[in-house]
Amino acid sequence: MGTPLFIADATTLDSASTDGNCGYPPTPLGVAIPCPTIITSSGPLMIVPDGTPLTPVPGVGLFCAAITRTAKVVVNNGVIIEGKVPCCAPNRPGAGGDGAQGSSGTPNPRNLTAPVIQNRIVIGSGGSYVPPEFTE
């Protein structure tokens, strides 16, 4: 079994990247679309389909321009929701997932990390994954 993946949404971060002397911090995707036929506890399921234009990432450094990003499905090869292929993230840094393809900056794509809102919808687990109990 590989790393379990979860459906990314507008709050999901991508990973940092650099391009020359410019740094680009992890940034929320900022955009998600509703799937009106799938209802969650908070309303329609929100997904980020492959090819969705995302919010820009500000450049950090002297004369560093913001980069534009597009959602890029890299690892989700079988989940389709309402005819769209959603980006997936591992809900933790460094484990790999789908990405945000930047206009510049390396590595490209910038892997998605966390958070994910729908942590009960698990992709790639073969049905064996049991989510942890959250107690406060």
N, C-alpha and C. Protein backbone atom coordinates (compact mmCIF):
# COMPACT_ATOMS: atom_id res chain seq x y z
N MET A 1 0.85 -1.18 0.00
CA MET A 1 0.00 0.00 0.00
C MET A 1 0.89 1.23 0.00
N GLY A 2 0.58 2.19 -0.86
CA GLY A 2 1.31 3.44 -0.91
C GLY A 2 0.79 4.41 0.13
N THR A 3 1.30 5.61 0.09
CA THR A 3 0.84 6.65 1.00
C THR A 3 -0.60 7.00 0.70
N PRO A 4 -1.48 6.97 1.69
CA PRO A 4 -2.87 7.36 1.45
C PRO A 4 -2.95 8.82 0.99
N LEU A 5 -3.82 9.08 0.05
CA LEU A 5 -4.02 10.44 -0.45
C LEU A 5 -5.43 10.88 -0.17
N PHE A 6 -5.62 12.19 -0.09
CA PHE A 6 -6.90 12.78 0.22
C PHE A 6 -7.19 13.87 -0.81
N ILE A 7 -8.45 14.18 -1.01
CA ILE A 7 -8.83 15.18 -2.01
C ILE A 7 -8.40 16.57 -1.53
N ALA A 8 -7.63 17.26 -2.37
CA ALA A 8 -7.15 18.60 -2.05
C ALA A 8 -8.28 19.61 -2.22
N ASP A 9 -8.19 20.72 -1.49
CA ASP A 9 -9.16 21.80 -1.64
C ASP A 9 -8.42 23.14 -1.65
N ALA A 10 -9.13 24.23 -1.55
CA ALA A 10 -8.53 25.57 -1.66
C ALA A 10 -7.52 25.86 -0.56
N THR A 11 -7.62 25.19 0.59
CA THR A 11 -6.69 25.45 1.70
C THR A 11 -5.42 24.63 1.63
N THR A 12 -5.37 23.63 0.75
CA THR A 12 -4.20 22.76 0.64
C THR A 12 -2.99 23.57 0.16
N LEU A 13 -1.86 23.35 0.81
CA LEU A 13 -0.61 24.04 0.46
C LEU A 13 0.18 23.24 -0.57
N ASP A 14 0.93 23.96 -1.39
CA ASP A 14 1.93 23.29 -2.20
C ASP A 14 3.27 23.47 -1.50
N SER A 15 4.33 22.89 -2.04
CA SER A 15 5.64 22.98 -1.41
C SER A 15 6.42 24.19 -1.93
N ALA A 16 7.40 24.60 -1.16
CA ALA A 16 8.23 25.74 -1.53
C ALA A 16 9.09 25.40 -2.74
N SER A 17 9.52 26.43 -3.46
CA SER A 17 10.43 26.23 -4.58
C SER A 17 11.32 27.46 -4.71
N THR A 18 12.38 27.31 -5.49
CA THR A 18 13.29 28.42 -5.75
C THR A 18 13.55 28.50 -7.25
N ASP A 19 13.92 29.68 -7.68
CA ASP A 19 14.28 29.91 -9.07
C ASP A 19 15.35 31.00 -9.05
N GLY A 20 16.60 30.59 -9.21
CA GLY A 20 17.69 31.56 -9.11
C GLY A 20 17.77 32.12 -7.70
N ASN A 21 17.69 33.44 -7.56
CA ASN A 21 17.76 34.09 -6.25
C ASN A 21 16.38 34.31 -5.64
N CYS A 22 15.35 33.79 -6.25
CA CYS A 22 13.98 34.01 -5.78
C CYS A 22 13.46 32.76 -5.07
N GLY A 23 12.79 33.01 -3.96
CA GLY A 23 12.14 31.93 -3.23
C GLY A 23 10.63 32.07 -3.34
N TYR A 24 9.95 30.95 -3.35
CA TYR A 24 8.49 30.94 -3.44
C TYR A 24 7.97 30.04 -2.32
N PRO A 25 7.31 30.63 -1.31
CA PRO A 25 6.89 29.87 -0.13
C PRO A 25 5.72 28.94 -0.42
N PRO A 26 5.50 27.95 0.47
CA PRO A 26 4.29 27.14 0.35
C PRO A 26 3.08 28.06 0.39
N THR A 27 2.13 27.84 -0.50
CA THR A 27 0.99 28.75 -0.64
C THR A 27 -0.28 27.94 -0.85
N PRO A 28 -1.38 28.32 -0.17
CA PRO A 28 -2.65 27.62 -0.42
C PRO A 28 -3.04 27.72 -1.90
N LEU A 29 -3.70 26.68 -2.38
CA LEU A 29 -4.12 26.68 -3.78
C LEU A 29 -5.09 27.83 -4.06
N GLY A 30 -5.95 28.13 -3.09
CA GLY A 30 -6.80 29.32 -3.18
C GLY A 30 -8.05 29.18 -4.01
N VAL A 31 -8.20 28.08 -4.74
CA VAL A 31 -9.35 27.91 -5.63
C VAL A 31 -9.84 26.47 -5.53
N ALA A 32 -11.14 26.28 -5.47
CA ALA A 32 -11.75 24.94 -5.53
C ALA A 32 -13.13 25.10 -6.13
N ILE A 33 -13.62 24.05 -6.75
CA ILE A 33 -14.96 24.11 -7.33
C ILE A 33 -15.88 23.13 -6.60
N PRO A 34 -17.16 23.45 -6.49
CA PRO A 34 -18.08 22.54 -5.81
C PRO A 34 -18.53 21.40 -6.70
N CYS A 35 -18.78 20.27 -6.08
CA CYS A 35 -19.39 19.11 -6.75
C CYS A 35 -20.77 18.94 -6.14
N PRO A 36 -21.79 19.52 -6.76
CA PRO A 36 -23.12 19.56 -6.14
C PRO A 36 -23.77 18.21 -5.90
N THR A 37 -23.31 17.15 -6.56
CA THR A 37 -23.93 15.84 -6.34
C THR A 37 -23.32 15.08 -5.17
N ILE A 38 -22.24 15.63 -4.57
CA ILE A 38 -21.59 14.97 -3.42
C ILE A 38 -21.65 15.94 -2.24
N ILE A 39 -22.44 15.60 -1.24
CA ILE A 39 -22.63 16.49 -0.10
C ILE A 39 -21.81 15.99 1.09
N THR A 40 -21.10 16.91 1.72
CA THR A 40 -20.34 16.62 2.93
C THR A 40 -21.05 17.31 4.08
N SER A 41 -20.48 17.23 5.26
CA SER A 41 -21.10 17.87 6.42
C SER A 41 -21.14 19.39 6.29
N SER A 42 -20.28 19.94 5.44
CA SER A 42 -20.24 21.40 5.29
C SER A 42 -20.82 21.88 3.96
N GLY A 43 -21.46 21.00 3.19
CA GLY A 43 -22.04 21.39 1.90
C GLY A 43 -21.45 20.54 0.79
N PRO A 44 -21.48 21.04 -0.44
CA PRO A 44 -20.95 20.26 -1.57
C PRO A 44 -19.44 20.01 -1.40
N LEU A 45 -18.99 18.84 -1.84
CA LEU A 45 -17.57 18.52 -1.84
C LEU A 45 -16.85 19.54 -2.72
N MET A 46 -15.76 20.09 -2.23
CA MET A 46 -14.97 21.06 -2.98
C MET A 46 -13.70 20.36 -3.47
N ILE A 47 -13.42 20.44 -4.77
CA ILE A 47 -12.23 19.80 -5.35
C ILE A 47 -11.45 20.82 -6.18
N VAL A 48 -10.19 20.45 -6.47
CA VAL A 48 -9.34 21.24 -7.35
C VAL A 48 -9.00 20.34 -8.54
N PRO A 49 -9.74 20.48 -9.65
CA PRO A 49 -9.51 19.60 -10.81
C PRO A 49 -8.20 19.93 -11.53
N ASP A 50 -7.69 18.93 -12.23
CA ASP A 50 -6.50 19.10 -13.06
C ASP A 50 -6.70 20.27 -14.02
N GLY A 51 -5.70 21.13 -14.14
CA GLY A 51 -5.75 22.26 -15.06
C GLY A 51 -6.39 23.52 -14.51
N THR A 52 -6.85 23.50 -13.27
CA THR A 52 -7.48 24.68 -12.67
C THR A 52 -6.44 25.78 -12.42
N PRO A 53 -6.67 27.00 -12.88
CA PRO A 53 -5.76 28.10 -12.53
C PRO A 53 -5.85 28.38 -11.03
N LEU A 54 -4.71 28.51 -10.39
CA LEU A 54 -4.63 28.73 -8.94
C LEU A 54 -4.18 30.16 -8.64
N THR A 55 -4.26 30.55 -7.38
CA THR A 55 -3.81 31.89 -7.01
C THR A 55 -2.29 31.98 -7.18
N PRO A 56 -1.78 33.17 -7.53
CA PRO A 56 -0.33 33.34 -7.71
C PRO A 56 0.43 33.20 -6.39
N VAL A 57 1.72 32.89 -6.51
CA VAL A 57 2.62 32.80 -5.36
C VAL A 57 3.56 33.99 -5.40
N PRO A 58 3.63 34.79 -4.32
CA PRO A 58 4.55 35.93 -4.33
C PRO A 58 6.00 35.48 -4.27
N GLY A 59 6.86 36.18 -4.98
CA GLY A 59 8.28 35.89 -4.95
C GLY A 59 8.93 36.59 -3.77
N VAL A 60 9.89 35.91 -3.12
CA VAL A 60 10.62 36.48 -2.00
C VAL A 60 12.06 36.71 -2.46
N GLY A 61 12.49 37.95 -2.46
CA GLY A 61 13.83 38.32 -2.90
C GLY A 61 13.75 39.57 -3.76
N LEU A 62 14.91 40.14 -4.02
CA LEU A 62 14.99 41.37 -4.80
C LEU A 62 14.58 41.11 -6.24
N PHE A 63 13.63 41.88 -6.75
CA PHE A 63 13.15 41.79 -8.12
C PHE A 63 12.52 40.42 -8.46
N CYS A 64 11.89 39.81 -7.49
CA CYS A 64 11.27 38.50 -7.72
C CYS A 64 9.78 38.69 -7.99
N ALA A 65 9.38 38.30 -9.17
CA ALA A 65 7.97 38.41 -9.57
C ALA A 65 7.19 37.22 -9.05
N ALA A 66 5.90 37.41 -8.90
CA ALA A 66 5.03 36.30 -8.51
C ALA A 66 4.97 35.28 -9.63
N ILE A 67 4.73 34.02 -9.26
CA ILE A 67 4.54 32.99 -10.29
C ILE A 67 3.07 32.60 -10.33
N THR A 68 2.61 32.32 -11.52
CA THR A 68 1.25 31.79 -11.67
C THR A 68 1.34 30.28 -11.56
N ARG A 69 0.23 29.65 -11.16
CA ARG A 69 0.22 28.20 -10.99
C ARG A 69 -1.04 27.60 -11.60
N THR A 70 -0.92 26.35 -11.97
CA THR A 70 -2.04 25.56 -12.48
C THR A 70 -2.02 24.22 -11.77
N ALA A 71 -3.20 23.70 -11.40
CA ALA A 71 -3.28 22.39 -10.76
C ALA A 71 -2.79 21.32 -11.73
N LYS A 72 -1.96 20.42 -11.25
CA LYS A 72 -1.36 19.37 -12.09
C LYS A 72 -1.52 18.02 -11.41
N VAL A 73 -2.35 17.14 -11.99
CA VAL A 73 -2.51 15.79 -11.46
C VAL A 73 -1.31 14.96 -11.91
N VAL A 74 -0.62 14.36 -10.94
CA VAL A 74 0.56 13.56 -11.20
C VAL A 74 0.37 12.12 -10.72
N VAL A 75 -0.25 11.94 -9.55
CA VAL A 75 -0.37 10.61 -8.97
C VAL A 75 -1.79 10.04 -8.98
N ASN A 76 -2.81 10.88 -9.03
CA ASN A 76 -4.19 10.39 -9.07
C ASN A 76 -4.45 9.86 -10.47
N ASN A 77 -4.51 8.54 -10.59
CA ASN A 77 -4.72 7.97 -11.92
C ASN A 77 -6.01 7.17 -12.03
N GLY A 78 -6.95 7.38 -11.11
CA GLY A 78 -8.16 6.60 -11.22
C GLY A 78 -9.40 7.20 -10.61
N VAL A 79 -9.29 8.30 -9.90
CA VAL A 79 -10.45 8.90 -9.27
C VAL A 79 -10.99 10.03 -10.14
N ILE A 80 -12.25 9.91 -10.51
CA ILE A 80 -12.92 10.94 -11.30
C ILE A 80 -14.20 11.30 -10.57
N ILE A 81 -14.41 12.59 -10.35
CA ILE A 81 -15.60 13.08 -9.66
C ILE A 81 -16.33 14.03 -10.59
N GLU A 82 -17.57 13.69 -10.92
CA GLU A 82 -18.38 14.50 -11.83
C GLU A 82 -17.63 14.83 -13.12
N GLY A 83 -16.90 13.86 -13.63
CA GLY A 83 -16.17 14.02 -14.89
C GLY A 83 -14.87 14.78 -14.77
N LYS A 84 -14.45 15.11 -13.56
CA LYS A 84 -13.21 15.86 -13.34
C LYS A 84 -12.23 15.02 -12.53
N VAL A 85 -10.94 15.16 -12.82
CA VAL A 85 -9.90 14.45 -12.08
C VAL A 85 -9.37 15.40 -11.00
N PRO A 86 -9.65 15.10 -9.71
CA PRO A 86 -9.22 16.01 -8.65
C PRO A 86 -7.76 15.80 -8.24
N CYS A 87 -7.13 16.88 -7.80
CA CYS A 87 -5.80 16.79 -7.21
C CYS A 87 -5.91 16.15 -5.84
N CYS A 88 -4.91 15.37 -5.48
CA CYS A 88 -4.88 14.70 -4.18
C CYS A 88 -3.58 15.04 -3.46
N ALA A 89 -3.66 15.04 -2.12
CA ALA A 89 -2.50 15.37 -1.28
C ALA A 89 -2.40 14.36 -0.15
N PRO A 90 -1.20 14.16 0.40
CA PRO A 90 -1.02 13.18 1.47
C PRO A 90 -1.41 13.69 2.85
N ASN A 91 -1.77 14.95 3.00
CA ASN A 91 -2.15 15.56 4.27
C ASN A 91 -0.99 15.62 5.26
N ARG A 92 0.22 15.64 4.72
CA ARG A 92 1.41 15.86 5.53
C ARG A 92 2.54 16.28 4.60
N PRO A 93 3.48 17.06 5.07
CA PRO A 93 4.57 17.51 4.20
C PRO A 93 5.48 16.36 3.76
N GLY A 94 6.01 16.48 2.56
CA GLY A 94 7.08 15.62 2.09
C GLY A 94 6.72 14.24 1.60
N ALA A 95 5.45 13.88 1.51
CA ALA A 95 5.11 12.51 1.14
C ALA A 95 4.74 12.37 -0.33
N GLY A 96 4.68 13.45 -1.07
CA GLY A 96 4.33 13.37 -2.48
C GLY A 96 2.83 13.37 -2.68
N GLY A 97 2.42 13.81 -3.80
CA GLY A 97 1.01 13.90 -4.13
C GLY A 97 0.94 14.56 -5.49
N ASP A 98 -0.21 15.08 -5.82
CA ASP A 98 -0.32 15.84 -7.05
C ASP A 98 0.35 17.18 -6.82
N GLY A 99 0.29 18.10 -7.78
CA GLY A 99 1.06 19.32 -7.63
C GLY A 99 0.44 20.54 -8.23
N ALA A 100 1.18 21.63 -8.06
CA ALA A 100 0.84 22.91 -8.67
C ALA A 100 1.97 23.22 -9.64
N GLN A 101 1.64 23.29 -10.91
CA GLN A 101 2.64 23.58 -11.95
C GLN A 101 2.85 25.08 -12.01
N GLY A 102 4.05 25.54 -11.65
CA GLY A 102 4.34 26.96 -11.65
C GLY A 102 4.88 27.44 -12.97
N SER A 103 4.72 28.76 -13.21
CA SER A 103 5.26 29.34 -14.44
C SER A 103 6.78 29.35 -14.40
N SER A 104 7.35 29.32 -13.19
CA SER A 104 8.79 29.19 -13.02
C SER A 104 8.99 28.60 -11.64
N GLY A 105 10.22 28.43 -11.22
CA GLY A 105 10.50 27.85 -9.91
C GLY A 105 10.71 26.36 -10.01
N THR A 106 11.57 25.87 -9.16
CA THR A 106 11.84 24.43 -9.16
C THR A 106 11.66 23.92 -7.74
N PRO A 107 11.30 22.73 -7.46
CA PRO A 107 10.92 21.73 -8.46
C PRO A 107 9.55 22.02 -9.03
N ASN A 108 9.30 21.50 -10.18
CA ASN A 108 8.01 21.63 -10.84
C ASN A 108 7.51 20.25 -11.18
N PRO A 109 6.33 19.86 -10.83
CA PRO A 109 5.36 20.66 -10.08
C PRO A 109 5.70 20.72 -8.59
N ARG A 110 5.15 21.73 -7.94
CA ARG A 110 5.30 21.91 -6.50
C ARG A 110 4.32 20.94 -5.83
N ASN A 111 4.84 19.91 -5.16
CA ASN A 111 3.98 18.87 -4.58
C ASN A 111 3.01 19.45 -3.56
N LEU A 112 1.81 18.90 -3.54
CA LEU A 112 0.81 19.31 -2.56
C LEU A 112 1.10 18.60 -1.24
N THR A 113 0.78 19.26 -0.12
CA THR A 113 1.07 18.68 1.18
C THR A 113 -0.18 18.61 2.05
N ALA A 114 -0.51 19.66 2.75
CA ALA A 114 -1.62 19.65 3.71
C ALA A 114 -2.10 21.08 3.85
N PRO A 115 -3.19 21.35 4.44
CA PRO A 115 -4.18 20.42 4.99
C PRO A 115 -5.15 19.97 3.90
N VAL A 116 -5.90 18.96 4.23
CA VAL A 116 -7.04 18.57 3.40
C VAL A 116 -8.26 18.53 4.31
N ILE A 117 -9.38 18.98 3.81
CA ILE A 117 -10.59 19.04 4.63
C ILE A 117 -11.27 17.67 4.70
N GLN A 118 -11.31 16.95 3.57
CA GLN A 118 -12.02 15.67 3.53
C GLN A 118 -11.06 14.53 3.88
N ASN A 119 -10.67 14.43 5.16
CA ASN A 119 -9.70 13.40 5.54
C ASN A 119 -10.33 12.03 5.76
N ARG A 120 -11.60 11.87 5.44
CA ARG A 120 -12.24 10.55 5.53
C ARG A 120 -12.38 9.90 4.15
N ILE A 121 -12.13 10.65 3.08
CA ILE A 121 -12.16 10.09 1.73
C ILE A 121 -10.71 9.74 1.39
N VAL A 122 -10.39 8.45 1.38
CA VAL A 122 -9.01 8.00 1.23
C VAL A 122 -8.83 7.35 -0.13
N ILE A 123 -7.80 7.78 -0.85
CA ILE A 123 -7.53 7.31 -2.21
C ILE A 123 -6.24 6.50 -2.19
N GLY A 124 -6.25 5.33 -2.80
CA GLY A 124 -5.04 4.52 -2.93
C GLY A 124 -4.74 3.66 -1.72
N SER A 125 -5.71 3.43 -0.84
CA SER A 125 -5.45 2.64 0.35
C SER A 125 -5.89 1.19 0.19
N GLY A 126 -6.63 0.88 -0.86
CA GLY A 126 -7.14 -0.46 -1.04
C GLY A 126 -8.19 -0.83 -0.01
N GLY A 127 -8.74 0.19 0.64
CA GLY A 127 -9.78 -0.03 1.65
C GLY A 127 -9.25 -0.42 3.00
N SER A 128 -7.92 -0.45 3.17
CA SER A 128 -7.36 -0.91 4.44
C SER A 128 -7.00 0.23 5.40
N TYR A 129 -7.06 1.45 4.95
CA TYR A 129 -6.65 2.58 5.79
C TYR A 129 -7.76 2.93 6.78
N VAL A 130 -7.38 3.09 8.04
CA VAL A 130 -8.31 3.52 9.07
C VAL A 130 -7.80 4.86 9.58
N PRO A 131 -8.57 5.94 9.41
CA PRO A 131 -8.10 7.25 9.84
C PRO A 131 -7.95 7.30 11.36
N PRO A 132 -7.01 8.10 11.84
CA PRO A 132 -6.82 8.21 13.29
C PRO A 132 -8.01 8.91 13.93
N GLU A 133 -8.26 8.59 15.18
CA GLU A 133 -9.30 9.28 15.94
C GLU A 133 -8.75 10.61 16.40
N PHE A 134 -9.49 11.67 16.19
CA PHE A 134 -9.06 12.99 16.63
C PHE A 134 -9.73 13.31 17.95
N THR A 135 -8.94 13.46 18.99
CA THR A 135 -9.46 13.82 20.30
C THR A 135 -8.81 15.12 20.73
N GLU A 136 -9.54 15.92 21.43
CA GLU A 136 -9.00 17.21 21.86
C GLU A 136 -8.96 17.28 23.35
